[in-house]
């Protein structure tokens, strides 16, 4: 009976393994993350998910897949991808990005661009409480900074992602913070004080690393004798100001598009040309949207087949003390996040079980909430099929796995989370 349950559980989560083997393992063996398209690996994993979802007819299996892929949260992300693609292409086409790059280089030495980008991403994400909004606001500018001087686009994109998840983990208005504190029954301010002992040292260590890397990774910008049109920076200022104000990201992007359209008209860009630019930008998001829909559908079948329940049951059976209990909470939310590709959903899924574990083994609810939030953000930032990574790499025009080796902040955060479990700090909250 037990072996049959284990077989069914492993079968339920096997689509994730199929994707990992086809994409990550094959890419690592070949030493090239561009050889195996993510869309093909995800399509194969989705087909396998539908095929191995036993006990249901084909029509039912496809319905489960389609319902998960068409969830309101997924379609909301698709809207963001469409608007982000349109804005990025329009802003670049009318000269906004070039003007912003020139202004940035005039304000900051090239050696300090990496630390400056990381600090800016941390500040924006902490202010708005969303990693997606931060990615939308900064990625196009950062990519142009790297491309203009032959810099490493993947490194600069990873810097934005790292800073984006810093705020997603700590901000009072972040969905993950709200979910973690509500499920564990603690105040957000208390969870913040606990989380600071983990996230801030990780961010400080990452910032130091970026300072050390600053000179070698600095883009070499060619001299440009043309007078910069500083007024073309306005769409980006509008995007950042509205994002920091906490306005919905779709409204932020729409306002950015409108402002870019107005400036484009004054700069000699016809409405038809502007529409062509936006069309190209939207078309460039096609692969990203397909991957997002396939991933959501595949993970929906994993959940419907009992894969999440199997993992929860398997991971909670070997707890022996406070340290192993904290380690179990960390692994629990990490694995579920790997299966759902959504850190907020992962926290909500394991929240009640985490609260039970914390109560049974004497773990402070604030520490449990901190572990839930931190570990889910770590995994969300590292998986190549997470919404934030897909959006950032889609805007950058690189492989979703390309920034992985440069994601210094998530790895630093993982180190400090591990230390906090081993040495059980902070002792006094």
Protein backbone atom coordinates (compact mmCIF):
# COMPACT_ATOMS: atom_id res chain seq x y z
CA UNK A 1 0.00 0.00 0.00
CA UNK A 2 2.78 2.40 0.96
CA UNK A 3 4.80 1.60 -2.16
CA UNK A 4 1.71 2.17 -4.34
CA UNK A 5 1.15 5.58 -2.67
CA UNK A 6 4.79 6.50 -3.22
CA UNK A 7 4.61 5.48 -6.86
CA UNK A 8 1.47 7.53 -7.44
CA UNK A 9 3.05 10.55 -5.71
CA UNK A 10 6.23 10.37 -7.75
CA UNK A 11 4.15 9.94 -10.88
CA UNK A 12 2.16 13.07 -9.99
CA UNK A 13 5.29 15.24 -9.70
CA UNK A 14 7.11 13.60 -12.62
CA UNK A 15 6.20 16.36 -15.16
CA UNK A 16 8.46 18.74 -13.25
CA UNK A 17 11.27 16.20 -13.48
CA UNK A 18 10.68 15.84 -17.22
CA UNK A 19 11.03 19.59 -17.68
CA UNK A 20 14.16 19.77 -15.53
CA UNK A 21 15.82 16.94 -17.45
CA UNK A 22 14.90 18.25 -20.87
CA UNK A 23 15.87 21.83 -20.22
CA UNK A 24 18.29 22.27 -17.32
CA UNK A 25 20.14 18.95 -17.49
CA UNK A 26 20.45 18.92 -21.29
CA UNK A 27 21.53 22.57 -21.31
CA UNK A 28 24.15 21.92 -18.61
CA UNK A 29 25.50 18.91 -20.52
CA UNK A 30 25.73 20.92 -23.74
CA UNK A 31 27.06 23.96 -21.89
CA UNK A 32 24.61 26.18 -23.75
CA UNK A 33 21.20 27.31 -22.45
CA UNK A 34 20.12 28.39 -25.93
CA UNK A 35 20.28 24.93 -27.56
CA UNK A 36 17.11 23.61 -25.92
CA UNK A 37 14.19 26.09 -26.20
CA UNK A 38 12.24 26.47 -22.95
CA UNK A 39 8.96 26.33 -24.85
CA UNK A 40 9.79 22.90 -26.31
CA UNK A 41 10.85 21.48 -22.92
CA UNK A 42 7.71 22.90 -21.29
CA UNK A 43 5.48 21.58 -24.07
CA UNK A 44 6.97 18.08 -23.67
CA UNK A 45 6.48 18.25 -19.89
CA UNK A 46 2.87 19.40 -20.39
CA UNK A 47 2.14 16.52 -22.78
CA UNK A 48 3.61 14.12 -20.24
CA UNK A 49 1.49 15.68 -17.47
CA UNK A 50 -1.71 15.17 -19.48
CA UNK A 51 -0.67 11.61 -20.43
CA UNK A 52 0.19 10.44 -16.91
CA UNK A 53 -2.86 12.00 -15.17
CA UNK A 54 -4.55 8.60 -14.79
CA UNK A 55 -8.14 7.86 -13.84
CA UNK A 56 -9.58 10.53 -16.11
CA UNK A 57 -10.57 10.70 -19.75
CA UNK A 58 -8.58 12.82 -22.17
CA UNK A 59 -11.27 15.52 -22.24
CA UNK A 60 -11.19 15.82 -18.43
CA UNK A 61 -7.41 16.00 -18.38
CA UNK A 62 -7.37 18.78 -20.96
CA UNK A 63 -10.05 20.64 -18.98
CA UNK A 64 -7.91 20.53 -15.83
CA UNK A 65 -4.89 21.73 -17.79
CA UNK A 66 -6.84 24.53 -19.49
CA UNK A 67 -8.51 25.69 -16.28
CA UNK A 68 -5.14 26.09 -14.58
CA UNK A 69 -3.62 27.82 -17.62
CA UNK A 70 -6.61 30.18 -17.87
CA UNK A 71 -6.63 31.15 -14.19
CA UNK A 72 -7.21 34.86 -13.58
CA UNK A 73 -3.74 35.29 -12.05
CA UNK A 74 -2.13 33.79 -15.15
CA UNK A 75 -4.14 35.95 -17.55
CA UNK A 76 -3.28 38.99 -15.43
CA UNK A 77 0.40 38.17 -15.96
CA UNK A 78 -0.24 37.87 -19.70
CA UNK A 79 -1.68 41.39 -19.70
CA UNK A 80 1.46 42.64 -17.93
CA UNK A 81 3.67 40.89 -20.50
CA UNK A 82 1.74 42.47 -23.39
CA UNK A 83 1.87 45.99 -21.93
CA UNK A 84 5.53 45.62 -20.91
CA UNK A 85 6.50 44.49 -24.41
CA UNK A 86 4.62 47.38 -26.02
CA UNK A 87 6.16 49.98 -23.69
CA UNK A 88 9.71 48.65 -23.94
CA UNK A 89 9.65 48.63 -27.76
CA UNK A 90 8.00 52.06 -28.01
CA UNK A 91 10.36 53.66 -25.48
CA UNK A 92 13.37 52.30 -27.33
CA UNK A 93 11.99 53.28 -30.74
CA UNK A 94 11.42 56.96 -29.89
CA UNK A 95 14.79 57.32 -28.10
CA UNK A 96 13.71 57.21 -24.44
CA UNK A 97 16.16 54.48 -23.51
CA UNK A 98 19.14 56.19 -25.17
CA UNK A 99 18.35 59.45 -23.36
CA UNK A 100 17.98 57.65 -20.03
CA UNK A 101 21.25 55.78 -20.54
CA UNK A 102 23.09 59.05 -21.24
CA UNK A 103 21.56 60.65 -18.14
CA UNK A 104 22.50 57.66 -15.99
CA UNK A 105 26.09 57.68 -17.22
CA UNK A 106 26.31 61.43 -16.58
CA UNK A 107 25.10 60.93 -13.01
CA UNK A 108 27.02 57.75 -12.06
CA UNK A 109 30.50 56.50 -12.94
CA UNK A 110 30.42 53.27 -14.94
CA UNK A 111 32.23 51.41 -12.15
CA UNK A 112 29.28 52.00 -9.79
CA UNK A 113 26.49 51.02 -12.18
CA UNK A 114 26.06 47.49 -10.80
CA UNK A 115 25.83 48.57 -7.12
CA UNK A 116 23.59 51.46 -8.16
CA UNK A 117 21.23 49.17 -10.09
CA UNK A 118 21.01 46.76 -7.15
CA UNK A 119 20.28 49.56 -4.67
CA UNK A 120 17.66 51.07 -6.99
CA UNK A 121 15.96 47.68 -7.42
CA UNK A 122 15.99 47.10 -3.65
CA UNK A 123 14.50 50.54 -2.97
CA UNK A 124 11.76 50.28 -5.61
CA UNK A 125 10.74 46.74 -4.65
CA UNK A 126 10.70 47.62 -0.95
CA UNK A 127 8.50 50.63 -1.74
CA UNK A 128 5.99 48.91 -4.03
CA UNK A 129 6.07 45.40 -2.58
CA UNK A 130 6.18 43.62 -5.93
CA UNK A 131 9.07 42.11 -7.80
CA UNK A 132 7.13 42.19 -11.09
CA UNK A 133 6.67 45.98 -10.89
CA UNK A 134 10.37 46.44 -10.20
CA UNK A 135 11.34 44.27 -13.17
CA UNK A 136 9.01 46.24 -15.43
CA UNK A 137 10.40 49.59 -14.25
CA UNK A 138 14.12 48.81 -14.48
CA UNK A 139 14.87 45.96 -16.90
CA UNK A 140 14.62 47.81 -20.26
CA UNK A 141 16.88 50.60 -19.02
CA UNK A 142 19.41 48.22 -17.48
CA UNK A 143 19.54 46.05 -20.60
CA UNK A 144 20.24 49.10 -22.77
CA UNK A 145 22.99 50.20 -20.36
CA UNK A 146 24.67 46.82 -20.78
CA UNK A 147 24.17 46.55 -24.54
CA UNK A 148 25.38 50.08 -25.28
CA UNK A 149 28.81 49.33 -23.88
CA UNK A 150 29.18 45.62 -24.51
CA UNK A 151 28.35 44.69 -20.91
CA UNK A 152 27.01 41.34 -19.72
CA UNK A 153 23.23 41.55 -20.24
CA UNK A 154 22.55 38.43 -18.13
CA UNK A 155 24.53 39.86 -15.20
CA UNK A 156 22.72 43.19 -15.32
CA UNK A 157 19.33 41.46 -15.61
CA UNK A 158 20.17 39.23 -12.64
CA UNK A 159 21.08 42.32 -10.61
CA UNK A 160 17.58 43.72 -11.15
CA UNK A 161 16.01 40.37 -10.24
CA UNK A 162 18.02 40.13 -7.03
CA UNK A 163 17.03 43.60 -5.87
CA UNK A 164 13.42 42.96 -6.89
CA UNK A 165 13.18 39.93 -4.62
CA UNK A 166 14.78 41.80 -1.71
CA UNK A 167 11.74 44.05 -1.48
CA UNK A 168 9.31 41.26 -2.31
CA UNK A 169 10.64 39.47 0.77
CA UNK A 170 10.65 42.45 3.17
CA UNK A 171 8.01 44.96 2.06
CA UNK A 172 4.98 45.48 4.29
CA UNK A 173 2.67 45.55 1.26
CA UNK A 174 4.10 42.47 -0.46
CA UNK A 175 1.66 39.60 -1.10
CA UNK A 176 4.17 37.15 0.34
CA UNK A 177 4.55 39.14 3.56
CA UNK A 178 0.79 39.38 4.00
CA UNK A 179 0.32 35.67 3.29
CA UNK A 180 3.16 34.60 5.61
CA UNK A 181 2.04 36.73 8.57
CA UNK A 182 -1.65 35.89 8.19
CA UNK A 183 -1.06 32.13 8.06
CA UNK A 184 1.28 32.22 11.09
CA UNK A 185 -0.77 34.68 13.17
CA UNK A 186 1.87 37.37 13.73
CA UNK A 187 2.16 41.09 13.03
CA UNK A 188 3.90 42.29 9.87
CA UNK A 189 6.13 44.64 11.88
CA UNK A 190 7.35 41.75 14.05
CA UNK A 191 7.96 39.55 11.03
CA UNK A 192 9.89 42.43 9.43
CA UNK A 193 12.16 42.76 12.49
CA UNK A 194 12.88 39.04 12.33
CA UNK A 195 13.40 38.98 8.56
CA UNK A 196 15.81 41.93 8.67
CA UNK A 197 18.38 39.76 10.47
CA UNK A 198 18.42 37.44 7.44
CA UNK A 199 17.70 39.61 4.40
CA UNK A 200 19.77 42.71 5.20
CA UNK A 201 23.09 40.84 5.80
CA UNK A 202 22.45 38.92 2.55
CA UNK A 203 21.82 42.19 0.68
CA UNK A 204 24.90 43.81 2.23
CA UNK A 205 27.10 40.88 1.20
CA UNK A 206 25.64 41.03 -2.32
CA UNK A 207 26.21 44.79 -2.54
CA UNK A 208 29.84 44.32 -1.50
CA UNK A 209 30.24 41.71 -4.22
CA UNK A 210 28.76 44.09 -6.81
CA UNK A 211 31.16 46.83 -5.68
CA UNK A 212 34.09 44.44 -6.17
CA UNK A 213 32.72 43.38 -9.57
CA UNK A 214 31.87 46.93 -10.60
CA UNK A 215 35.08 47.76 -12.42
CA UNK A 216 35.44 44.51 -14.36
CA UNK A 217 31.72 44.40 -15.28
CA UNK A 218 31.36 48.09 -16.15
CA UNK A 219 30.18 48.74 -19.72
CA UNK A 220 32.54 50.75 -21.91
CA UNK A 221 30.45 53.56 -23.33
CA UNK A 222 31.52 55.24 -26.57
CA UNK A 223 31.84 58.99 -26.62
CA UNK A 224 28.78 60.67 -28.08
CA UNK A 225 28.95 64.24 -29.21
CA UNK A 226 25.20 64.59 -29.84
CA UNK A 227 23.17 66.73 -27.48
CA UNK A 228 21.07 64.39 -25.34
CA UNK A 229 17.33 64.99 -25.33
CA UNK A 230 16.79 64.83 -21.58
CA UNK A 231 13.03 65.30 -21.87
CA UNK A 232 12.77 61.80 -23.36
CA UNK A 233 13.55 60.46 -19.86
CA UNK A 234 10.01 61.42 -18.74
CA UNK A 235 8.29 58.07 -19.56
CA UNK A 236 10.75 56.23 -17.32
CA UNK A 237 10.38 58.78 -14.54
CA UNK A 238 6.61 58.39 -14.78
CA UNK A 239 6.93 54.59 -14.63
CA UNK A 240 9.19 54.66 -11.55
CA UNK A 241 7.24 57.36 -9.68
CA UNK A 242 3.89 55.64 -10.26
CA UNK A 243 5.36 52.25 -9.34
CA UNK A 244 6.82 53.58 -6.08
CA UNK A 245 3.42 55.15 -5.33
CA UNK A 246 1.93 51.66 -5.24
CA UNK A 247 -0.31 52.01 -8.29
CA UNK A 248 -1.36 48.84 -10.11
CA UNK A 249 1.35 47.76 -12.56
CA UNK A 250 -1.05 47.61 -15.53
CA UNK A 251 -2.02 51.25 -14.93
CA UNK A 252 1.65 52.16 -14.53
CA UNK A 253 2.53 50.61 -17.89
CA UNK A 254 -0.47 52.16 -19.62
CA UNK A 255 0.54 55.62 -18.38
CA UNK A 256 4.08 54.95 -19.60
CA UNK A 257 2.81 54.01 -23.05
CA UNK A 258 0.60 57.13 -23.26
CA UNK A 259 3.44 59.43 -22.21
CA UNK A 260 5.80 57.78 -24.73
CA UNK A 261 3.20 58.19 -27.48
CA UNK A 262 2.86 61.91 -26.72
CA UNK A 263 6.63 62.45 -26.67
CA UNK A 264 6.99 60.42 -29.85
CA UNK A 265 4.58 62.74 -31.68
CA UNK A 266 6.68 65.75 -30.65
CA UNK A 267 9.82 63.88 -31.76
CA UNK A 268 8.51 63.27 -35.29
CA UNK A 269 7.22 59.72 -34.80
CA UNK A 270 3.91 59.17 -36.59
CA UNK A 271 1.08 57.30 -34.80
CA UNK A 272 1.34 54.50 -37.37
CA UNK A 273 5.07 54.10 -36.73
CA UNK A 274 4.42 54.06 -32.98
CA UNK A 275 1.81 51.33 -33.43
CA UNK A 276 4.29 49.30 -35.49
CA UNK A 277 6.87 49.59 -32.69
CA UNK A 278 4.35 48.46 -30.07
CA UNK A 279 3.24 45.60 -32.31
CA UNK A 280 6.81 44.33 -32.57
CA UNK A 281 7.15 44.58 -28.80
CA UNK A 282 3.95 42.61 -28.21
CA UNK A 283 5.02 39.98 -30.76
CA UNK A 284 8.33 39.59 -28.91
CA UNK A 285 6.38 38.47 -25.83
CA UNK A 286 4.74 35.59 -27.71
CA UNK A 287 7.16 32.89 -26.58
CA UNK A 288 7.05 34.18 -23.01
CA UNK A 289 3.23 34.01 -22.95
CA UNK A 290 3.23 30.47 -24.37
CA UNK A 291 5.72 29.29 -21.71
CA UNK A 292 3.65 30.89 -18.96
CA UNK A 293 0.42 29.21 -20.10
CA UNK A 294 2.10 25.81 -20.52
CA UNK A 295 3.78 26.01 -17.11
CA UNK A 296 0.53 26.99 -15.38
CA UNK A 297 -1.37 24.15 -17.02
CA UNK A 298 1.31 21.57 -16.24
CA UNK A 299 1.55 22.63 -12.60
CA UNK A 300 -2.25 22.60 -12.35
CA UNK A 301 -2.26 18.91 -13.30
CA UNK A 302 0.55 18.21 -10.81
CA UNK A 303 -1.63 19.66 -8.05
CA UNK A 304 -4.83 17.92 -9.25
CA UNK A 305 -3.02 14.56 -9.41
CA UNK A 306 -2.03 14.86 -5.75
CA UNK A 307 1.59 15.85 -6.25
CA UNK A 308 1.47 18.70 -3.72
CA UNK A 309 -0.22 16.53 -1.06
CA UNK A 310 2.37 13.81 -1.61
CA UNK A 311 5.23 16.23 -1.10
CA UNK A 312 3.67 17.70 2.05
CA UNK A 313 3.19 14.24 3.54
CA UNK A 314 6.69 13.08 2.60
CA UNK A 315 8.53 16.10 3.96
CA UNK A 316 6.83 16.29 7.37
CA UNK A 317 7.42 12.70 8.44
CA UNK A 318 11.00 13.04 9.77
CA UNK A 319 10.92 16.03 12.10
CA UNK A 320 12.83 15.37 15.32
CA UNK A 321 13.45 18.77 16.95
CA UNK A 322 13.34 22.58 16.55
CA UNK A 323 16.20 22.71 14.04
CA UNK A 324 14.83 19.94 11.85
CA UNK A 325 11.38 21.53 12.17
CA UNK A 326 12.72 24.83 10.84
CA UNK A 327 14.58 22.99 8.12
CA UNK A 328 11.39 21.13 7.22
CA UNK A 329 9.44 24.41 6.94
CA UNK A 330 12.14 25.80 4.66
CA UNK A 331 12.21 22.70 2.43
CA UNK A 332 8.43 22.40 2.47
CA UNK A 333 7.68 25.85 1.07
CA UNK A 334 10.65 25.60 -1.33
CA UNK A 335 9.49 22.35 -2.91
CA UNK A 336 5.87 23.50 -3.17
CA UNK A 337 7.08 26.76 -4.76
CA UNK A 338 9.07 24.67 -7.23
CA UNK A 339 5.80 22.92 -8.15
CA UNK A 340 3.59 26.01 -8.30
CA UNK A 341 6.02 28.69 -9.62
CA UNK A 342 4.20 31.19 -7.38
CA UNK A 343 5.65 32.16 -4.01
CA UNK A 344 2.39 33.54 -2.60
CA UNK A 345 0.47 30.39 -3.55
CA UNK A 346 3.23 28.24 -2.04
CA UNK A 347 3.02 30.10 1.28
CA UNK A 348 -0.76 29.79 1.43
CA UNK A 349 -0.59 26.09 0.52
CA UNK A 350 1.76 25.14 3.37
CA UNK A 351 0.75 27.89 5.81
CA UNK A 352 -1.56 25.88 8.06
CA UNK A 353 0.81 22.92 8.21
CA UNK A 354 3.72 25.24 9.01
CA UNK A 355 1.75 26.79 11.86
CA UNK A 356 1.07 23.33 13.27
CA UNK A 357 4.76 22.37 13.04
CA UNK A 358 5.83 25.66 14.65
CA UNK A 359 3.39 25.23 17.53
CA UNK A 360 4.38 21.60 18.15
CA UNK A 361 8.15 22.23 18.19
CA UNK A 362 8.23 25.65 19.89
CA UNK A 363 9.18 27.78 16.88
CA UNK A 364 8.32 31.46 17.15
CA UNK A 365 5.54 32.33 14.65
CA UNK A 366 7.59 35.32 13.48
CA UNK A 367 10.51 33.05 12.61
CA UNK A 368 8.17 30.63 10.84
CA UNK A 369 6.71 33.49 8.79
CA UNK A 370 10.22 34.72 7.96
CA UNK A 371 11.27 31.25 6.76
CA UNK A 372 8.15 30.92 4.61
CA UNK A 373 8.68 34.29 2.94
CA UNK A 374 12.45 34.05 2.49
CA UNK A 375 12.59 30.49 1.14
CA UNK A 376 9.70 31.00 -1.28
CA UNK A 377 11.43 34.11 -2.67
CA UNK A 378 14.71 32.21 -3.05
CA UNK A 379 13.11 29.46 -5.13
CA UNK A 380 10.91 31.85 -7.11
CA UNK A 381 13.96 33.84 -8.18
CA UNK A 382 16.00 30.78 -9.16
CA UNK A 383 13.50 28.78 -11.24
CA UNK A 384 13.71 29.64 -14.97
CA UNK A 385 9.92 29.36 -15.37
CA UNK A 386 9.01 31.90 -12.67
CA UNK A 387 6.98 34.90 -13.88
CA UNK A 388 9.60 37.44 -12.83
CA UNK A 389 12.48 35.65 -14.58
CA UNK A 390 10.42 35.06 -17.71
CA UNK A 391 9.42 38.73 -17.83
CA UNK A 392 12.95 40.05 -17.21
CA UNK A 393 14.61 37.73 -19.73
CA UNK A 394 11.82 38.34 -22.24
CA UNK A 395 12.47 42.07 -22.06
CA UNK A 396 16.22 41.43 -22.24
CA UNK A 397 15.96 39.00 -25.15
CA UNK A 398 18.00 36.28 -23.40
CA UNK A 399 17.41 32.70 -22.26
CA UNK A 400 15.41 32.32 -18.99
CA UNK A 401 18.33 30.34 -17.58
CA UNK A 402 21.00 32.90 -18.58
CA UNK A 403 20.83 35.03 -15.37
CA UNK A 404 20.93 31.95 -13.11
CA UNK A 405 24.68 31.96 -12.48
CA UNK A 406 24.60 35.68 -11.62
CA UNK A 407 21.74 35.59 -9.11
CA UNK A 408 24.00 36.42 -6.18
CA UNK A 409 21.35 37.79 -3.81
CA UNK A 410 19.14 34.65 -3.75
CA UNK A 411 22.20 32.48 -3.03
CA UNK A 412 23.35 34.87 -0.30
CA UNK A 413 19.85 34.81 1.17
CA UNK A 414 19.89 30.99 1.06
CA UNK A 415 23.19 30.99 2.99
CA UNK A 416 21.85 33.28 5.71
CA UNK A 417 18.58 31.33 5.96
CA UNK A 418 20.61 28.15 6.45
CA UNK A 419 22.75 29.83 9.12
CA UNK A 420 19.64 31.12 10.88
CA UNK A 421 18.30 27.56 11.07
CA UNK A 422 21.58 26.01 12.22
CA UNK A 423 22.32 28.67 14.86
CA UNK A 424 18.64 29.49 15.49
CA UNK A 425 18.96 33.26 15.20
CA UNK A 426 17.65 35.79 15.91
CA UNK A 427 17.49 34.51 19.49
CA UNK A 428 15.70 37.60 20.78
CA UNK A 429 12.97 39.11 18.65
